[in-house]
Amino acid sequence: MVEARDRGCAVLIISSELDEIMAVSDVVSVIYEGRIVETRIVKDTNLNRIGFLMAGGRPEDAPVGPSEEITFLT
């Protein structure tokens, strides 16, 4: 997958593994209920925003900013 990307091929990844997506992607699109909610360059977004949108949040209400750590409560 990474080798194909590095050769300039387009690679489509459908996953809920946000760390994996952020590590190998240049651009990320979030799909919720069959619709593309948002498309962003990975370096211009963060895990909190992507997770918020994946859960059905509206883009105008989502966190903004560069990549940052996400904290999970257990």
PDB file of N, CA and C in Angstrom:
ATOM      1  N   MET A   1       0.827  -1.181   0.000  1.00  0.00           N
ATOM      2  CA  MET A   1       0.000   0.000   0.000  1.00  0.00           C
ATOM      3  C   MET A   1       0.876   1.252   0.000  1.00  0.00           C
ATOM      4  N   VAL A   2       1.831   1.316   0.906  1.00  0.00           N
ATOM      5  CA  VAL A   2       2.703   2.489   0.989  1.00  0.00           C
ATOM      6  C   VAL A   2       3.589   2.573  -0.255  1.00  0.00           C
ATOM      7  N   GLU A   3       4.061   1.422  -0.741  1.00  0.00           N
ATOM      8  CA  GLU A   3       4.888   1.411  -1.940  1.00  0.00           C
ATOM      9  C   GLU A   3       4.117   1.940  -3.141  1.00  0.00           C
ATOM     10  N   ALA A   4       2.852   1.555  -3.269  1.00  0.00           N
ATOM     11  CA  ALA A   4       2.019   2.048  -4.364  1.00  0.00           C
ATOM     12  C   ALA A   4       1.825   3.554  -4.247  1.00  0.00           C
ATOM     13  N   ARG A   5       1.573   4.026  -3.033  1.00  0.00           N
ATOM     14  CA  ARG A   5       1.420   5.465  -2.807  1.00  0.00           C
ATOM     15  C   ARG A   5       2.686   6.209  -3.208  1.00  0.00           C
ATOM     16  N   ASP A   6       3.832   5.666  -2.805  1.00  0.00           N
ATOM     17  CA  ASP A   6       5.107   6.313  -3.096  1.00  0.00           C
ATOM     18  C   ASP A   6       5.430   6.327  -4.589  1.00  0.00           C
ATOM     19  N   ARG A   7       4.829   5.400  -5.352  1.00  0.00           N
ATOM     20  CA  ARG A   7       5.001   5.390  -6.809  1.00  0.00           C
ATOM     21  C   ARG A   7       4.044   6.352  -7.499  1.00  0.00           C
ATOM     22  N   GLY A   8       3.180   7.003  -6.726  1.00  0.00           N
ATOM     23  CA  GLY A   8       2.249   7.970  -7.292  1.00  0.00           C
ATOM     24  C   GLY A   8       0.872   7.415  -7.589  1.00  0.00           C
ATOM     25  N   CYS A   9       0.620   6.178  -7.188  1.00  0.00           N
ATOM     26  CA  CYS A   9      -0.699   5.581  -7.400  1.00  0.00           C
ATOM     27  C   CYS A   9      -1.679   6.108  -6.352  1.00  0.00           C
ATOM     28  N   ALA A  10      -2.930   6.217  -6.747  1.00  0.00           N
ATOM     29  CA  ALA A  10      -3.975   6.548  -5.780  1.00  0.00           C
ATOM     30  C   ALA A  10      -4.336   5.278  -5.017  1.00  0.00           C
ATOM     31  N   VAL A  11      -4.468   5.396  -3.705  1.00  0.00           N
ATOM     32  CA  VAL A  11      -4.815   4.256  -2.859  1.00  0.00           C
ATOM     33  C   VAL A  11      -6.011   4.663  -2.018  1.00  0.00           C
ATOM     34  N   LEU A  12      -7.054   3.869  -2.057  1.00  0.00           N
ATOM     35  CA  LEU A  12      -8.253   4.123  -1.262  1.00  0.00           C
ATOM     36  C   LEU A  12      -8.248   3.196  -0.061  1.00  0.00           C
ATOM     37  N   ILE A  13      -8.286   3.781   1.131  1.00  0.00           N
ATOM     38  CA  ILE A  13      -8.317   3.003   2.372  1.00  0.00           C
ATOM     39  C   ILE A  13      -9.630   3.309   3.064  1.00  0.00           C
ATOM     40  N   ILE A  14     -10.372   2.278   3.391  1.00  0.00           N
ATOM     41  CA  ILE A  14     -11.597   2.444   4.165  1.00  0.00           C
ATOM     42  C   ILE A  14     -11.342   1.767   5.498  1.00  0.00           C
ATOM     43  N   SER A  15     -11.289   2.570   6.568  1.00  0.00           N
ATOM     44  CA  SER A  15     -10.909   2.033   7.866  1.00  0.00           C
ATOM     45  C   SER A  15     -11.409   2.939   8.975  1.00  0.00           C
ATOM     46  N   SER A  16     -11.595   2.345  10.142  1.00  0.00           N
ATOM     47  CA  SER A  16     -11.890   3.152  11.325  1.00  0.00           C
ATOM     48  C   SER A  16     -10.640   3.292  12.190  1.00  0.00           C
ATOM     49  N   GLU A  17      -9.519   2.763  11.728  1.00  0.00           N
ATOM     50  CA  GLU A  17      -8.244   2.855  12.446  1.00  0.00           C
ATOM     51  C   GLU A  17      -7.598   4.207  12.134  1.00  0.00           C
ATOM     52  N   LEU A  18      -7.904   5.210  12.940  1.00  0.00           N
ATOM     53  CA  LEU A  18      -7.465   6.574  12.649  1.00  0.00           C
ATOM     54  C   LEU A  18      -5.956   6.732  12.628  1.00  0.00           C
ATOM     55  N   ASP A  19      -5.242   6.066  13.523  1.00  0.00           N
ATOM     56  CA  ASP A  19      -3.778   6.170  13.538  1.00  0.00           C
ATOM     57  C   ASP A  19      -3.188   5.689  12.215  1.00  0.00           C
ATOM     58  N   GLU A  20      -3.699   4.580  11.705  1.00  0.00           N
ATOM     59  CA  GLU A  20      -3.223   4.033  10.431  1.00  0.00           C
ATOM     60  C   GLU A  20      -3.506   5.013   9.292  1.00  0.00           C
ATOM     61  N   ILE A  21      -4.705   5.533   9.265  1.00  0.00           N
ATOM     62  CA  ILE A  21      -5.072   6.474   8.208  1.00  0.00           C
ATOM     63  C   ILE A  21      -4.169   7.702   8.234  1.00  0.00           C
ATOM     64  N   MET A  22      -3.955   8.269   9.396  1.00  0.00           N
ATOM     65  CA  MET A  22      -3.126   9.472   9.517  1.00  0.00           C
ATOM     66  C   MET A  22      -1.670   9.189   9.135  1.00  0.00           C
ATOM     67  N   ALA A  23      -1.192   7.975   9.410  1.00  0.00           N
ATOM     68  CA  ALA A  23       0.205   7.638   9.145  1.00  0.00           C
ATOM     69  C   ALA A  23       0.502   7.454   7.661  1.00  0.00           C
ATOM     70  N   VAL A  24      -0.452   6.966   6.888  1.00  0.00           N
ATOM     71  CA  VAL A  24      -0.162   6.631   5.487  1.00  0.00           C
ATOM     72  C   VAL A  24      -0.855   7.527   4.470  1.00  0.00           C
ATOM     73  N   SER A  25      -1.689   8.435   4.906  1.00  0.00           N
ATOM     74  CA  SER A  25      -2.486   9.232   3.971  1.00  0.00           C
ATOM     75  C   SER A  25      -1.944  10.642   3.780  1.00  0.00           C
ATOM     76  N   ASP A  26      -2.187  11.168   2.593  1.00  0.00           N
ATOM     77  CA  ASP A  26      -1.921  12.577   2.313  1.00  0.00           C
ATOM     78  C   ASP A  26      -3.208  13.387   2.473  1.00  0.00           C
ATOM     79  N   VAL A  27      -4.313  12.761   2.073  1.00  0.00           N
ATOM     80  CA  VAL A  27      -5.635  13.394   2.123  1.00  0.00           C
ATOM     81  C   VAL A  27      -6.597  12.405   2.761  1.00  0.00           C
ATOM     82  N   VAL A  28      -7.530  12.914   3.566  1.00  0.00           N
ATOM     83  CA  VAL A  28      -8.512  12.049   4.216  1.00  0.00           C
ATOM     84  C   VAL A  28      -9.916  12.596   3.952  1.00  0.00           C
ATOM     85  N   SER A  29     -10.829  11.689   3.627  1.00  0.00           N
ATOM     86  CA  SER A  29     -12.243  12.038   3.484  1.00  0.00           C
ATOM     87  C   SER A  29     -13.014  11.266   4.541  1.00  0.00           C
ATOM     88  N   VAL A  30     -13.959  11.933   5.174  1.00  0.00           N
ATOM     89  CA  VAL A  30     -14.812  11.285   6.173  1.00  0.00           C
ATOM     90  C   VAL A  30     -16.173  11.057   5.542  1.00  0.00           C
ATOM     91  N   ILE A  31     -16.639   9.806   5.636  1.00  0.00           N
ATOM     92  CA  ILE A  31     -17.953   9.444   5.117  1.00  0.00           C
ATOM     93  C   ILE A  31     -18.840   9.094   6.304  1.00  0.00           C
ATOM     94  N   TYR A  32     -20.019   9.691   6.333  1.00  0.00           N
ATOM     95  CA  TYR A  32     -20.991   9.381   7.380  1.00  0.00           C
ATOM     96  C   TYR A  32     -22.341   9.185   6.716  1.00  0.00           C
ATOM     97  N   GLU A  33     -22.977   8.067   7.023  1.00  0.00           N
ATOM     98  CA  GLU A  33     -24.279   7.713   6.442  1.00  0.00           C
ATOM     99  C   GLU A  33     -24.273   7.821   4.924  1.00  0.00           C
ATOM    100  N   GLY A  34     -23.194   7.329   4.301  1.00  0.00           N
ATOM    101  CA  GLY A  34     -23.121   7.261   2.848  1.00  0.00           C
ATOM    102  C   GLY A  34     -22.760   8.549   2.135  1.00  0.00           C
ATOM    103  N   ARG A  35     -22.454   9.590   2.872  1.00  0.00           N
ATOM    104  CA  ARG A  35     -22.112  10.879   2.255  1.00  0.00           C
ATOM    105  C   ARG A  35     -20.725  11.325   2.705  1.00  0.00           C
ATOM    106  N   ILE A  36     -19.987  11.927   1.777  1.00  0.00           N
ATOM    107  CA  ILE A  36     -18.702  12.515   2.148  1.00  0.00           C
ATOM    108  C   ILE A  36     -18.989  13.796   2.916  1.00  0.00           C
ATOM    109  N   VAL A  37     -18.573  13.815   4.179  1.00  0.00           N
ATOM    110  CA  VAL A  37     -18.817  14.952   5.062  1.00  0.00           C
ATOM    111  C   VAL A  37     -17.737  16.011   4.876  1.00  0.00           C
ATOM    112  N   GLU A  38     -16.489  15.548   4.688  1.00  0.00           N
ATOM    113  CA  GLU A  38     -15.381  16.490   4.570  1.00  0.00           C
ATOM    114  C   GLU A  38     -14.182  15.786   3.961  1.00  0.00           C
ATOM    115  N   THR A  39     -13.387  16.532   3.208  1.00  0.00           N
ATOM    116  CA  THR A  39     -12.108  16.070   2.674  1.00  0.00           C
ATOM    117  C   THR A  39     -11.068  17.104   3.053  1.00  0.00           C
ATOM    118  N   ARG A  40      -9.961  16.631   3.668  1.00  0.00           N
ATOM    119  CA  ARG A  40      -8.900  17.555   4.115  1.00  0.00           C
ATOM    120  C   ARG A  40      -7.536  16.934   3.899  1.00  0.00           C
ATOM    121  N   ILE A  41      -6.536  17.788   3.762  1.00  0.00           N
ATOM    122  CA  ILE A  41      -5.147  17.352   3.770  1.00  0.00           C
ATOM    123  C   ILE A  41      -4.837  16.927   5.208  1.00  0.00           C
ATOM    124  N   VAL A  42      -4.190  15.780   5.365  1.00  0.00           N
ATOM    125  CA  VAL A  42      -3.955  15.206   6.691  1.00  0.00           C
ATOM    126  C   VAL A  42      -3.225  16.185   7.607  1.00  0.00           C
ATOM    127  N   LYS A  43      -2.215  16.881   7.105  1.00  0.00           N
ATOM    128  CA  LYS A  43      -1.445  17.787   7.971  1.00  0.00           C
ATOM    129  C   LYS A  43      -2.279  18.975   8.454  1.00  0.00           C
ATOM    130  N   ASP A  44      -3.448  19.206   7.839  1.00  0.00           N
ATOM    131  CA  ASP A  44      -4.306  20.325   8.224  1.00  0.00           C
ATOM    132  C   ASP A  44      -5.497  19.905   9.080  1.00  0.00           C
ATOM    133  N   THR A  45      -5.471  18.682   9.595  1.00  0.00           N
ATOM    134  CA  THR A  45      -6.572  18.214  10.426  1.00  0.00           C
ATOM    135  C   THR A  45      -6.013  17.481  11.647  1.00  0.00           C
ATOM    136  N   ASN A  46      -6.875  16.912  12.449  1.00  0.00           N
ATOM    137  CA  ASN A  46      -6.425  16.183  13.635  1.00  0.00           C
ATOM    138  C   ASN A  46      -7.382  15.040  13.946  1.00  0.00           C
ATOM    139  N   LEU A  47      -6.935  14.128  14.802  1.00  0.00           N
ATOM    140  CA  LEU A  47      -7.733  12.955  15.141  1.00  0.00           C
ATOM    141  C   LEU A  47      -9.065  13.319  15.792  1.00  0.00           C
ATOM    142  N   ASN A  48      -9.063  14.346  16.613  1.00  0.00           N
ATOM    143  CA  ASN A  48     -10.319  14.759  17.266  1.00  0.00           C
ATOM    144  C   ASN A  48     -11.360  15.173  16.231  1.00  0.00           C
ATOM    145  N   ARG A  49     -10.945  15.936  15.229  1.00  0.00           N
ATOM    146  CA  ARG A  49     -11.873  16.393  14.198  1.00  0.00           C
ATOM    147  C   ARG A  49     -12.411  15.210  13.394  1.00  0.00           C
ATOM    148  N   ILE A  50     -11.515  14.332  12.955  1.00  0.00           N
ATOM    149  CA  ILE A  50     -11.938  13.188  12.155  1.00  0.00           C
ATOM    150  C   ILE A  50     -12.897  12.305  12.950  1.00  0.00           C
ATOM    151  N   GLY A  51     -12.561  12.007  14.190  1.00  0.00           N
ATOM    152  CA  GLY A  51     -13.441  11.197  15.029  1.00  0.00           C
ATOM    153  C   GLY A  51     -14.799  11.841  15.242  1.00  0.00           C
ATOM    154  N   PHE A  52     -14.802  13.144  15.457  1.00  0.00           N
ATOM    155  CA  PHE A  52     -16.045  13.895  15.642  1.00  0.00           C
ATOM    156  C   PHE A  52     -16.939  13.762  14.405  1.00  0.00           C
ATOM    157  N   LEU A  53     -16.339  13.916  13.229  1.00  0.00           N
ATOM    158  CA  LEU A  53     -17.103  13.821  11.986  1.00  0.00           C
ATOM    159  C   LEU A  53     -17.571  12.390  11.721  1.00  0.00           C
ATOM    160  N   MET A  54     -16.730  11.407  12.062  1.00  0.00           N
ATOM    161  CA  MET A  54     -17.117   9.999  11.885  1.00  0.00           C
ATOM    162  C   MET A  54     -18.315   9.636  12.752  1.00  0.00           C
ATOM    163  N   ALA A  55     -18.482  10.332  13.868  1.00  0.00           N
ATOM    164  CA  ALA A  55     -19.592  10.065  14.783  1.00  0.00           C
ATOM    165  C   ALA A  55     -20.852  10.851  14.412  1.00  0.00           C
ATOM    166  N   GLY A  56     -20.797  11.592  13.308  1.00  0.00           N
ATOM    167  CA  GLY A  56     -21.979  12.312  12.855  1.00  0.00           C
ATOM    168  C   GLY A  56     -21.988  13.784  13.180  1.00  0.00           C
ATOM    169  N   GLY A  57     -20.896  14.307  13.737  1.00  0.00           N
ATOM    170  CA  GLY A  57     -20.825  15.740  14.031  1.00  0.00           C
ATOM    171  C   GLY A  57     -20.761  16.574  12.762  1.00  0.00           C
ATOM    172  N   ARG A  58     -21.229  17.795  12.858  1.00  0.00           N
ATOM    173  CA  ARG A  58     -21.221  18.702  11.710  1.00  0.00           C
ATOM    174  C   ARG A  58     -19.852  19.360  11.568  1.00  0.00           C
ATOM    175  N   PRO A  59     -19.348  19.515  10.327  1.00  0.00           N
ATOM    176  CA  PRO A  59     -18.030  20.123  10.122  1.00  0.00           C
ATOM    177  C   PRO A  59     -17.878  21.490  10.780  1.00  0.00           C
ATOM    178  N   GLU A  60     -18.932  22.292  10.781  1.00  0.00           N
ATOM    179  CA  GLU A  60     -18.825  23.634  11.369  1.00  0.00           C
ATOM    180  C   GLU A  60     -18.683  23.600  12.894  1.00  0.00           C
ATOM    181  N   ASP A  61     -19.005  22.468  13.513  1.00  0.00           N
ATOM    182  CA  ASP A  61     -18.876  22.329  14.968  1.00  0.00           C
ATOM    183  C   ASP A  61     -17.622  21.550  15.383  1.00  0.00           C
ATOM    184  N   ALA A  62     -16.880  21.034  14.415  1.00  0.00           N
ATOM    185  CA  ALA A  62     -15.747  20.141  14.701  1.00  0.00           C
ATOM    186  C   ALA A  62     -14.509  20.917  15.146  1.00  0.00           C
ATOM    187  N   PRO A  63     -13.652  20.288  15.977  1.00  0.00           N
ATOM    188  CA  PRO A  63     -12.390  20.909  16.386  1.00  0.00           C
ATOM    189  C   PRO A  63     -11.518  21.185  15.162  1.00  0.00           C
ATOM    190  N   VAL A  64     -10.706  22.215  15.217  1.00  0.00           N
ATOM    191  CA  VAL A  64      -9.821  22.565  14.105  1.00  0.00           C
ATOM    192  C   VAL A  64      -8.375  22.574  14.571  1.00  0.00           C
ATOM    193  N   GLY A  65      -7.461  22.640  13.618  1.00  0.00           N
ATOM    194  CA  GLY A  65      -6.048  22.764  13.951  1.00  0.00           C
ATOM    195  C   GLY A  65      -5.217  21.616  13.429  1.00  0.00           C
ATOM    196  N   PRO A  66      -3.909  21.695  13.622  1.00  0.00           N
ATOM    197  CA  PRO A  66      -3.008  20.648  13.152  1.00  0.00           C
ATOM    198  C   PRO A  66      -3.152  19.384  13.980  1.00  0.00           C
ATOM    199  N   SER A  67      -2.475  18.349  13.553  1.00  0.00           N
ATOM    200  CA  SER A  67      -2.534  17.065  14.257  1.00  0.00           C
ATOM    201  C   SER A  67      -2.203  17.232  15.723  1.00  0.00           C
ATOM    202  N   GLU A  68      -2.928  16.516  16.543  1.00  0.00           N
ATOM    203  CA  GLU A  68      -2.695  16.540  17.986  1.00  0.00           C
ATOM    204  C   GLU A  68      -3.052  15.187  18.556  1.00  0.00           C
ATOM    205  N   GLU A  69      -2.593  14.919  19.736  1.00  0.00           N
ATOM    206  CA  GLU A  69      -2.899  13.644  20.376  1.00  0.00           C
ATOM    207  C   GLU A  69      -4.345  13.610  20.808  1.00  0.00           C
ATOM    208  N   ILE A  70      -4.904  12.430  20.749  1.00  0.00           N
ATOM    209  CA  ILE A  70      -6.257  12.234  21.243  1.00  0.00           C
ATOM    210  C   ILE A  70      -6.161  11.448  22.546  1.00  0.00           C
ATOM    211  N   THR A  71      -6.917  11.820  23.516  1.00  0.00           N
ATOM    212  CA  THR A  71      -6.874  11.165  24.820  1.00  0.00           C
ATOM    213  C   THR A  71      -8.129  10.331  24.997  1.00  0.00           C
ATOM    214  N   PHE A  72      -7.938   9.054  25.308  1.00  0.00           N
ATOM    215  CA  PHE A  72      -9.068   8.169  25.542  1.00  0.00           C
ATOM    216  C   PHE A  72      -9.218   7.960  27.046  1.00  0.00           C
ATOM    217  N   LEU A  73     -10.421   8.050  27.533  1.00  0.00           N
ATOM    218  CA  LEU A  73     -10.700   7.795  28.935  1.00  0.00           C
ATOM    219  C   LEU A  73     -11.083   6.338  29.098  1.00  0.00           C
ATOM    220  N   THR A  74     -10.497   5.676  30.090  1.00  0.00           N
ATOM    221  CA  THR A  74     -10.834   4.255  30.285  1.00  0.00           C
ATOM    222  C   THR A  74     -11.423   4.055  31.666  1.00  0.00           C
TER     223      THR A  74
END
